[in-house]
PDB file of N, CA and C in Angstrom:
ATOM      1  N   MET A   1      50.816 156.606 -70.148  1.00  0.00           N
ATOM      2  CA  MET A   1      49.538 156.654 -69.973  1.00  0.00           C
ATOM      3  C   MET A   1      49.371 158.388 -69.146  1.00  0.00           C
ATOM      4  N   ALA A   2      49.840 158.575 -67.969  1.00  0.00           N
ATOM      5  CA  ALA A   2      49.674 159.460 -67.570  1.00  0.00           C
ATOM      6  C   ALA A   2      50.230 160.944 -68.560  1.00  0.00           C
ATOM      7  N   VAL A   3      51.235 160.792 -68.812  1.00  0.00           N
ATOM      8  CA  VAL A   3      51.883 161.836 -69.265  1.00  0.00           C
ATOM      9  C   VAL A   3      50.499 162.667 -70.531  1.00  0.00           C
ATOM     10  N   PRO A   4      50.293 161.758 -71.715  1.00  0.00           N
ATOM     11  CA  PRO A   4      49.374 162.449 -72.553  1.00  0.00           C
ATOM     12  C   PRO A   4      48.063 163.087 -71.732  1.00  0.00           C
ATOM     13  N   MET A   5      47.664 162.398 -70.834  1.00  0.00           N
ATOM     14  CA  MET A   5      46.453 162.914 -70.047  1.00  0.00           C
ATOM     15  C   MET A   5      46.859 164.241 -69.532  1.00  0.00           C
ATOM     16  N   LYS A   6      48.081 164.171 -68.662  1.00  0.00           N
ATOM     17  CA  LYS A   6      48.243 165.490 -68.252  1.00  0.00           C
ATOM     18  C   LYS A   6      48.540 166.522 -69.170  1.00  0.00           C
ATOM     19  N   ASN A   7      49.191 166.350 -70.468  1.00  0.00           N
ATOM     20  CA  ASN A   7      49.522 167.370 -71.170  1.00  0.00           C
ATOM     21  C   ASN A   7      48.136 167.825 -71.949  1.00  0.00           C
ATOM     22  N   GLY A   8      47.315 166.824 -71.794  1.00  0.00           N
ATOM     23  CA  GLY A   8      45.984 167.027 -72.478  1.00  0.00           C
ATOM     24  C   GLY A   8      44.789 167.914 -71.648  1.00  0.00           C
ATOM     25  N   GLY A   9      45.527 168.405 -70.465  1.00  0.00           N
ATOM     26  CA  GLY A   9      44.797 169.262 -69.634  1.00  0.00           C
ATOM     27  C   GLY A   9      43.706 168.656 -68.507  1.00  0.00           C
ATOM     28  N   MET A  10      44.105 167.404 -68.194  1.00  0.00           N
ATOM     29  CA  MET A  10      43.337 166.823 -67.046  1.00  0.00           C
ATOM     30  C   MET A  10      43.985 166.941 -65.886  1.00  0.00           C
ATOM     31  N   SER A  11      43.013 167.015 -65.064  1.00  0.00           N
ATOM     32  CA  SER A  11      43.644 167.155 -63.540  1.00  0.00           C
ATOM     33  C   SER A  11      44.543 166.077 -63.140  1.00  0.00           C
ATOM     34  N   LYS A  12      45.233 166.461 -61.895  1.00  0.00           N
ATOM     35  CA  LYS A  12      45.930 165.365 -61.237  1.00  0.00           C
ATOM     36  C   LYS A  12      45.049 164.472 -60.437  1.00  0.00           C
ATOM     37  N   LEU A  13      43.999 164.515 -60.153  1.00  0.00           N
ATOM     38  CA  LEU A  13      43.135 163.577 -59.516  1.00  0.00           C
ATOM     39  C   LEU A  13      42.625 162.730 -60.423  1.00  0.00           C
ATOM     40  N   LYS A  14      42.111 163.313 -61.746  1.00  0.00           N
ATOM     41  CA  LYS A  14      41.613 162.258 -62.802  1.00  0.00           C
ATOM     42  C   LYS A  14      42.748 161.318 -62.969  1.00  0.00           C
ATOM     43  N   VAL A  15      43.807 162.213 -63.383  1.00  0.00           N
ATOM     44  CA  VAL A  15      45.026 161.171 -64.043  1.00  0.00           C
ATOM     45  C   VAL A  15      45.378 159.982 -62.988  1.00  0.00           C
ATOM     46  N   ILE A  16      45.351 160.285 -61.842  1.00  0.00           N
ATOM     47  CA  ILE A  16      45.675 159.363 -61.064  1.00  0.00           C
ATOM     48  C   ILE A  16      44.257 158.326 -60.986  1.00  0.00           C
ATOM     49  N   PHE A  17      43.247 158.795 -60.793  1.00  0.00           N
ATOM     50  CA  PHE A  17      42.000 157.709 -60.867  1.00  0.00           C
ATOM     51  C   PHE A  17      42.051 156.828 -61.913  1.00  0.00           C
ATOM     52  N   TYR A  18      42.131 157.163 -63.277  1.00  0.00           N
ATOM     53  CA  TYR A  18      42.184 156.687 -64.578  1.00  0.00           C
ATOM     54  C   TYR A  18      43.601 155.407 -64.696  1.00  0.00           C
ATOM     55  N   VAL A  19      44.607 156.071 -64.048  1.00  0.00           N
ATOM     56  CA  VAL A  19      45.780 155.258 -64.091  1.00  0.00           C
ATOM     57  C   VAL A  19      45.519 153.959 -62.957  1.00  0.00           C
ATOM     58  N   ILE A  20      45.117 154.251 -62.018  1.00  0.00           N
ATOM     59  CA  ILE A  20      44.815 153.413 -60.950  1.00  0.00           C
ATOM     60  C   ILE A  20      43.714 151.942 -61.665  1.00  0.00           C
ATOM     61  N   LEU A  21      42.660 152.846 -62.301  1.00  0.00           N
ATOM     62  CA  LEU A  21      41.814 151.937 -62.610  1.00  0.00           C
ATOM     63  C   LEU A  21      42.057 151.003 -63.571  1.00  0.00           C
ATOM     64  N   SER A  22      43.075 151.511 -64.512  1.00  0.00           N
ATOM     65  CA  SER A  22      43.742 150.917 -65.635  1.00  0.00           C
ATOM     66  C   SER A  22      44.613 149.598 -64.970  1.00  0.00           C
ATOM     67  N   GLY A  23      45.227 150.344 -64.121  1.00  0.00           N
ATOM     68  CA  GLY A  23      46.001 148.996 -63.446  1.00  0.00           C
ATOM     69  C   GLY A  23      45.187 147.846 -62.675  1.00  0.00           C
ATOM     70  N   ILE A  24      44.006 148.351 -62.385  1.00  0.00           N
ATOM     71  CA  ILE A  24      43.048 147.359 -61.448  1.00  0.00           C
ATOM     72  C   ILE A  24      42.776 146.441 -62.656  1.00  0.00           C
ATOM     73  N   THR A  25      42.276 147.094 -63.663  1.00  0.00           N
ATOM     74  CA  THR A  25      41.575 146.141 -64.796  1.00  0.00           C
ATOM     75  C   THR A  25      42.616 145.383 -65.399  1.00  0.00           C
ATOM     76  N   THR A  26      44.044 145.787 -65.387  1.00  0.00           N
ATOM     77  CA  THR A  26      44.892 145.279 -65.957  1.00  0.00           C
ATOM     78  C   THR A  26      45.125 143.691 -65.326  1.00  0.00           C
ATOM     79  N   GLY A  27      45.049 143.972 -63.783  1.00  0.00           N
ATOM     80  CA  GLY A  27      45.168 142.899 -62.983  1.00  0.00           C
ATOM     81  C   GLY A  27      44.223 142.014 -63.090  1.00  0.00           C
ATOM     82  N   ILE A  28      42.991 142.287 -63.123  1.00  0.00           N
ATOM     83  CA  ILE A  28      41.984 141.437 -63.183  1.00  0.00           C
ATOM     84  C   ILE A  28      41.881 140.482 -64.203  1.00  0.00           C
ATOM     85  N   GLY A  29      42.251 141.065 -65.708  1.00  0.00           N
ATOM     86  CA  GLY A  29      42.724 140.568 -66.831  1.00  0.00           C
ATOM     87  C   GLY A  29      43.822 139.262 -66.690  1.00  0.00           C
ATOM     88  N   ALA A  30      44.895 139.866 -65.884  1.00  0.00           N
ATOM     89  CA  ALA A  30      45.727 138.824 -65.982  1.00  0.00           C
ATOM     90  C   ALA A  30      45.428 137.571 -65.067  1.00  0.00           C
ATOM     91  N   PHE A  31      44.588 137.781 -64.063  1.00  0.00           N
ATOM     92  CA  PHE A  31      43.889 136.794 -63.195  1.00  0.00           C
ATOM     93  C   PHE A  31      43.138 135.936 -64.011  1.00  0.00           C
ATOM     94  N   PHE A  32      42.236 136.479 -65.073  1.00  0.00           N
ATOM     95  CA  PHE A  32      41.417 135.470 -65.669  1.00  0.00           C
ATOM     96  C   PHE A  32      42.305 134.885 -66.938  1.00  0.00           C
ATOM     97  N   GLY A  33      43.122 135.572 -67.286  1.00  0.00           N
ATOM     98  CA  GLY A  33      44.188 135.098 -68.618  1.00  0.00           C
ATOM     99  C   GLY A  33      44.811 133.904 -68.059  1.00  0.00           C
ATOM    100  N   ALA A  34      45.302 134.083 -66.490  1.00  0.00           N
ATOM    101  CA  ALA A  34      46.251 132.935 -65.796  1.00  0.00           C
ATOM    102  C   ALA A  34      44.978 131.751 -65.653  1.00  0.00           C
ATOM    103  N   ILE A  35      43.785 131.997 -65.519  1.00  0.00           N
ATOM    104  CA  ILE A  35      42.663 130.704 -65.455  1.00  0.00           C
ATOM    105  C   ILE A  35      42.469 130.238 -66.936  1.00  0.00           C
ATOM    106  N   LEU A  36      42.255 131.284 -67.831  1.00  0.00           N
ATOM    107  CA  LEU A  36      41.895 130.422 -69.126  1.00  0.00           C
ATOM    108  C   LEU A  36      43.295 129.658 -69.567  1.00  0.00           C
ATOM    109  N   GLY A  37      44.388 129.749 -69.320  1.00  0.00           N
ATOM    110  CA  GLY A  37      45.722 129.312 -69.851  1.00  0.00           C
ATOM    111  C   GLY A  37      45.949 128.133 -69.179  1.00  0.00           C
ATOM    112  N   THR A  38      45.258 127.734 -68.088  1.00  0.00           N
ATOM    113  CA  THR A  38      45.511 126.470 -67.306  1.00  0.00           C
ATOM    114  C   THR A  38      44.534 125.467 -68.152  1.00  0.00           C
ATOM    115  N   ILE A  39      43.641 126.037 -69.134  1.00  0.00           N
ATOM    116  CA  ILE A  39      42.431 124.991 -69.060  1.00  0.00           C
ATOM    117  C   ILE A  39      42.900 123.976 -70.425  1.00  0.00           C
ATOM    118  N   SER A  40      43.384 124.670 -71.549  1.00  0.00           N
ATOM    119  CA  SER A  40      44.061 123.723 -72.409  1.00  0.00           C
ATOM    120  C   SER A  40      44.757 124.681 -73.117  1.00  0.00           C
ATOM    121  N   THR A  41      45.738 123.934 -74.351  1.00  0.00           N
ATOM    122  CA  THR A  41      46.714 124.530 -75.254  1.00  0.00           C
ATOM    123  C   THR A  41      45.790 125.294 -75.991  1.00  0.00           C
ATOM    124  N   ASN A  42      44.594 124.738 -76.576  1.00  0.00           N
ATOM    125  CA  ASN A  42      43.659 125.180 -77.469  1.00  0.00           C
ATOM    126  C   ASN A  42      43.061 126.513 -77.164  1.00  0.00           C
ATOM    127  N   VAL A  43      42.853 126.921 -75.735  1.00  0.00           N
ATOM    128  CA  VAL A  43      42.167 128.043 -74.975  1.00  0.00           C
ATOM    129  C   VAL A  43      43.352 128.898 -75.409  1.00  0.00           C
ATOM    130  N   ILE A  44      44.705 128.786 -75.178  1.00  0.00           N
ATOM    131  CA  ILE A  44      46.008 129.752 -75.439  1.00  0.00           C
ATOM    132  C   ILE A  44      45.662 130.044 -76.837  1.00  0.00           C
ATOM    133  N   ALA A  45      45.665 128.906 -77.632  1.00  0.00           N
ATOM    134  CA  ALA A  45      45.778 129.293 -78.982  1.00  0.00           C
ATOM    135  C   ALA A  45      44.791 130.443 -79.434  1.00  0.00           C
ATOM    136  N   ILE A  46      43.512 130.327 -79.046  1.00  0.00           N
ATOM    137  CA  ILE A  46      42.417 130.846 -79.375  1.00  0.00           C
ATOM    138  C   ILE A  46      42.778 132.383 -78.935  1.00  0.00           C
ATOM    139  N   CYS A  47      43.031 132.421 -77.591  1.00  0.00           N
ATOM    140  CA  CYS A  47      43.389 133.850 -77.122  1.00  0.00           C
ATOM    141  C   CYS A  47      44.366 134.574 -77.497  1.00  0.00           C
ATOM    142  N   LEU A  48      45.542 133.970 -78.050  1.00  0.00           N
ATOM    143  CA  LEU A  48      46.657 134.553 -78.749  1.00  0.00           C
ATOM    144  C   LEU A  48      46.179 134.945 -80.242  1.00  0.00           C
ATOM    145  N   SER A  49      45.269 134.286 -80.913  1.00  0.00           N
ATOM    146  CA  SER A  49      44.978 134.401 -82.193  1.00  0.00           C
ATOM    147  C   SER A  49      43.904 135.672 -82.116  1.00  0.00           C
ATOM    148  N   PHE A  50      43.166 135.901 -80.905  1.00  0.00           N
ATOM    149  CA  PHE A  50      42.558 136.965 -80.644  1.00  0.00           C
ATOM    150  C   PHE A  50      43.138 138.316 -80.518  1.00  0.00           C
ATOM    151  N   ALA A  51      44.342 138.025 -79.723  1.00  0.00           N
ATOM    152  CA  ALA A  51      45.158 139.121 -79.349  1.00  0.00           C
ATOM    153  C   ALA A  51      45.959 139.704 -80.569  1.00  0.00           C
ATOM    154  N   ALA A  52      46.494 138.670 -81.568  1.00  0.00           N
ATOM    155  CA  ALA A  52      47.104 139.125 -82.852  1.00  0.00           C
ATOM    156  C   ALA A  52      46.104 139.834 -83.799  1.00  0.00           C
ATOM    157  N   GLY A  53      44.868 139.228 -83.725  1.00  0.00           N
ATOM    158  CA  GLY A  53      43.908 139.825 -84.593  1.00  0.00           C
ATOM    159  C   GLY A  53      43.835 141.412 -84.273  1.00  0.00           C
ATOM    160  N   ALA A  54      43.519 141.819 -82.813  1.00  0.00           N
ATOM    161  CA  ALA A  54      43.571 143.226 -82.546  1.00  0.00           C
ATOM    162  C   ALA A  54      44.568 143.990 -82.768  1.00  0.00           C
ATOM    163  N   MET A  55      45.833 143.177 -82.789  1.00  0.00           N
ATOM    164  CA  MET A  55      47.266 144.105 -82.813  1.00  0.00           C
ATOM    165  C   MET A  55      47.127 144.459 -84.343  1.00  0.00           C
ATOM    166  N   LEU A  56      46.772 143.439 -85.261  1.00  0.00           N
ATOM    167  CA  LEU A  56      46.738 143.629 -86.724  1.00  0.00           C
ATOM    168  C   LEU A  56      45.774 144.782 -86.894  1.00  0.00           C
ATOM    169  N   TYR A  57      44.698 145.019 -86.588  1.00  0.00           N
ATOM    170  CA  TYR A  57      43.332 145.534 -86.975  1.00  0.00           C
ATOM    171  C   TYR A  57      43.777 147.118 -86.428  1.00  0.00           C
ATOM    172  N   ILE A  58      44.735 147.268 -85.273  1.00  0.00           N
ATOM    173  CA  ILE A  58      45.027 148.678 -84.992  1.00  0.00           C
ATOM    174  C   ILE A  58      46.121 149.023 -85.664  1.00  0.00           C
ATOM    175  N   VAL A  59      47.119 148.052 -85.825  1.00  0.00           N
ATOM    176  CA  VAL A  59      48.254 148.655 -87.009  1.00  0.00           C
ATOM    177  C   VAL A  59      47.928 149.224 -88.276  1.00  0.00           C
ATOM    178  N   SER A  60      46.816 148.178 -88.685  1.00  0.00           N
ATOM    179  CA  SER A  60      46.273 148.455 -90.331  1.00  0.00           C
ATOM    180  C   SER A  60      45.376 149.417 -90.514  1.00  0.00           C
ATOM    181  N   GLY A  61      44.706 149.726 -89.385  1.00  0.00           N
ATOM    182  CA  GLY A  61      43.509 150.720 -89.512  1.00  0.00           C
ATOM    183  C   GLY A  61      43.786 151.893 -88.714  1.00  0.00           C
ATOM    184  N   GLU A  62      44.820 152.092 -87.853  1.00  0.00           N
ATOM    185  CA  GLU A  62      45.201 153.329 -87.308  1.00  0.00           C
ATOM    186  C   GLU A  62      46.691 153.747 -87.499  1.00  0.00           C
ATOM    187  N   LEU A  63      47.659 153.074 -87.248  1.00  0.00           N
ATOM    188  CA  LEU A  63      49.067 153.363 -87.493  1.00  0.00           C
ATOM    189  C   LEU A  63      49.437 153.717 -88.748  1.00  0.00           C
ATOM    190  N   ILE A  64      49.057 152.807 -89.759  1.00  0.00           N
ATOM    191  CA  ILE A  64      49.794 153.168 -91.263  1.00  0.00           C
ATOM    192  C   ILE A  64      49.062 154.261 -91.600  1.00  0.00           C
ATOM    193  N   PRO A  65      47.603 154.509 -91.555  1.00  0.00           N
ATOM    194  CA  PRO A  65      47.251 155.659 -92.303  1.00  0.00           C
ATOM    195  C   PRO A  65      47.913 156.917 -91.458  1.00  0.00           C
ATOM    196  N   GLU A  66      48.171 156.774 -90.317  1.00  0.00           N
ATOM    197  CA  GLU A  66      48.333 158.250 -89.580  1.00  0.00           C
ATOM    198  C   GLU A  66      49.831 158.232 -89.939  1.00  0.00           C
ATOM    199  N   SER A  67      50.721 157.184 -89.863  1.00  0.00           N
ATOM    200  CA  SER A  67      52.099 157.478 -90.602  1.00  0.00           C
ATOM    201  C   SER A  67      52.107 158.169 -92.017  1.00  0.00           C
ATOM    202  N   ASN A  68      50.996 157.712 -92.937  1.00  0.00           N
ATOM    203  CA  ASN A  68      51.047 158.227 -94.300  1.00  0.00           C
ATOM    204  C   ASN A  68      50.486 159.727 -94.413  1.00  0.00           C
ATOM    205  N   GLN A  69      49.575 160.085 -93.261  1.00  0.00           N
ATOM    206  CA  GLN A  69      49.124 161.236 -93.067  1.00  0.00           C
ATOM    207  C   GLN A  69      50.212 162.329 -92.738  1.00  0.00           C
ATOM    208  N   LEU A  70      50.974 162.013 -91.901  1.00  0.00           N
ATOM    209  CA  LEU A  70      52.259 162.629 -91.109  1.00  0.00           C
ATOM    210  C   LEU A  70      53.421 162.868 -92.218  1.00  0.00           C
ATOM    211  N   TYR A  71      53.592 161.940 -93.001  1.00  0.00           N
ATOM    212  CA  TYR A  71      54.872 162.081 -93.914  1.00  0.00           C
ATOM    213  C   TYR A  71      54.428 161.507 -95.507  1.00  0.00           C
ATOM    214  N   HIS A  72      54.139 162.317 -96.455  1.00  0.00           N
ATOM    215  CA  HIS A  72      53.678 161.953 -97.808  1.00  0.00           C
ATOM    216  C   HIS A  72      54.815 161.514 -98.557  1.00  0.00           C
ATOM    217  N   GLY A  73      55.273 160.574 -98.538  1.00  0.00           N
ATOM    218  CA  GLY A  73      56.665 159.994 -99.239  1.00  0.00           C
ATOM    219  C   GLY A  73      56.543 158.557 -99.396  1.00  0.00           C
ATOM    220  N   ARG A  74      57.549 158.084 -99.765  1.00  0.00           N
ATOM    221  CA  ARG A  74      57.723 156.558-100.040  1.00  0.00           C
ATOM    222  C   ARG A  74      58.575 156.055 -99.052  1.00  0.00           C
ATOM    223  N   MET A  75      59.017 156.881 -98.016  1.00  0.00           N
ATOM    224  CA  MET A  75      59.737 156.179 -96.994  1.00  0.00           C
ATOM    225  C   MET A  75      58.937 155.797 -96.041  1.00  0.00           C
ATOM    226  N   THR A  76      57.479 156.210 -95.866  1.00  0.00           N
ATOM    227  CA  THR A  76      56.459 155.390 -95.034  1.00  0.00           C
ATOM    228  C   THR A  76      56.255 153.925 -95.724  1.00  0.00           C
ATOM    229  N   ALA A  77      56.110 153.749 -96.841  1.00  0.00           N
ATOM    230  CA  ALA A  77      55.784 152.742 -97.697  1.00  0.00           C
ATOM    231  C   ALA A  77      56.861 151.660 -97.224  1.00  0.00           C
ATOM    232  N   ILE A  78      58.479 152.164 -97.574  1.00  0.00           N
ATOM    233  CA  ILE A  78      59.420 151.370 -97.575  1.00  0.00           C
ATOM    234  C   ILE A  78      59.459 150.918 -96.071  1.00  0.00           C
ATOM    235  N   GLY A  79      59.400 151.619 -94.700  1.00  0.00           N
ATOM    236  CA  GLY A  79      59.573 151.503 -93.658  1.00  0.00           C
ATOM    237  C   GLY A  79      58.405 150.390 -93.141  1.00  0.00           C
ATOM    238  N   ASN A  80      57.387 150.571 -93.927  1.00  0.00           N
ATOM    239  CA  ASN A  80      56.280 149.457 -93.529  1.00  0.00           C
ATOM    240  C   ASN A  80      56.550 148.222 -94.141  1.00  0.00           C
ATOM    241  N   ILE A  81      57.167 148.233 -95.268  1.00  0.00           N
ATOM    242  CA  ILE A  81      57.656 146.949 -95.875  1.00  0.00           C
ATOM    243  C   ILE A  81      58.769 146.135 -95.193  1.00  0.00           C
ATOM    244  N   ILE A  82      59.645 146.808 -94.967  1.00  0.00           N
ATOM    245  CA  ILE A  82      60.951 146.456 -93.930  1.00  0.00           C
ATOM    246  C   ILE A  82      60.468 145.895 -92.794  1.00  0.00           C
ATOM    247  N   GLY A  83      59.759 146.617 -92.230  1.00  0.00           N
ATOM    248  CA  GLY A  83      59.026 146.083 -90.702  1.00  0.00           C
ATOM    249  C   GLY A  83      58.650 144.896 -91.198  1.00  0.00           C
ATOM    250  N   PHE A  84      57.646 144.927 -91.784  1.00  0.00           N
ATOM    251  CA  PHE A  84      56.843 143.369 -92.053  1.00  0.00           C
ATOM    252  C   PHE A  84      57.804 142.306 -92.590  1.00  0.00           C
ATOM    253  N   LEU A  85      59.007 142.628 -93.346  1.00  0.00           N
ATOM    254  CA  LEU A  85      59.858 141.652 -93.754  1.00  0.00           C
ATOM    255  C   LEU A  85      61.111 141.046 -92.465  1.00  0.00           C
ATOM    256  N   ILE A  86      61.400 142.176 -91.616  1.00  0.00           N
ATOM    257  CA  ILE A  86      61.774 141.922 -90.484  1.00  0.00           C
ATOM    258  C   ILE A  86      61.018 140.944 -89.497  1.00  0.00           C
ATOM    259  N   GLY A  87      59.897 141.117 -89.548  1.00  0.00           N
ATOM    260  CA  GLY A  87      58.892 140.549 -88.538  1.00  0.00           C
ATOM    261  C   GLY A  87      59.011 138.985 -89.145  1.00  0.00           C
ATOM    262  N   MET A  88      58.842 138.986 -90.455  1.00  0.00           N
ATOM    263  CA  MET A  88      58.541 137.648 -90.881  1.00  0.00           C
ATOM    264  C   MET A  88      59.710 136.692 -90.793  1.00  0.00           C
ATOM    265  N   PHE A  89      60.892 137.463 -90.786  1.00  0.00           N
ATOM    266  CA  PHE A  89      62.298 136.692 -90.736  1.00  0.00           C
ATOM    267  C   PHE A  89      62.277 136.375 -89.362  1.00  0.00           C
ATOM    268  N   ALA A  90      61.852 137.097 -88.333  1.00  0.00           N
ATOM    269  CA  ALA A  90      62.126 137.124 -87.093  1.00  0.00           C
ATOM    270  C   ALA A  90      60.967 135.756 -86.716  1.00  0.00           C
ATOM    271  N   MET A  91      59.972 135.621 -87.139  1.00  0.00           N
ATOM    272  CA  MET A  91      58.769 134.388 -86.637  1.00  0.00           C
ATOM    273  C   MET A  91      59.684 133.080 -87.332  1.00  0.00           C
ATOM    274  N   ASN A  92      60.582 133.334 -88.318  1.00  0.00           N
ATOM    275  CA  ASN A  92      61.192 132.034 -88.747  1.00  0.00           C
ATOM    276  C   ASN A  92      62.300 131.771 -88.176  1.00  0.00           C
ATOM    277  N   LEU A  93      63.021 131.959 -87.198  1.00  0.00           N
ATOM    278  CA  LEU A  93      63.917 132.032 -86.519  1.00  0.00           C
ATOM    279  C   LEU A  93      63.934 130.762 -85.772  1.00  0.00           C
ATOM    280  N   ASN A  94      62.846 130.340 -85.025  1.00  0.00           N
ATOM    281  CA  ASN A  94      62.499 129.297 -84.364  1.00  0.00           C
ATOM    282  C   ASN A  94      63.510 129.057 -83.049  1.00  0.00           C
ATOM    283  N   ILE A  95      63.714 130.498 -82.358  1.00  0.00           N
ATOM    284  CA  ILE A  95      64.430 130.335 -81.135  1.00  0.00           C
ATOM    285  C   ILE A  95      63.692 129.897 -79.970  1.00  0.00           C
TER     286      ILE A  95
END
């Protein structure tokens, strides 16, 4: 997180401040997540579904279009399909 901000021209003090702020909010989120996780398995399922939805939104809305802009060819689509198939295969391993 710090390297892109530093490369973007931010001062060291601002970078340190934002990294510490990010760490604090991560700790607070982990604390509340631990509390919510002890309530019931239904709450865990709901929280995981929200997290999965957020990841799908980011991948489909940001990463895939950006990869298509960087490289205009079939390999981008083939890589996306292969990654999807590997993910589906990994989900069915039942490890």
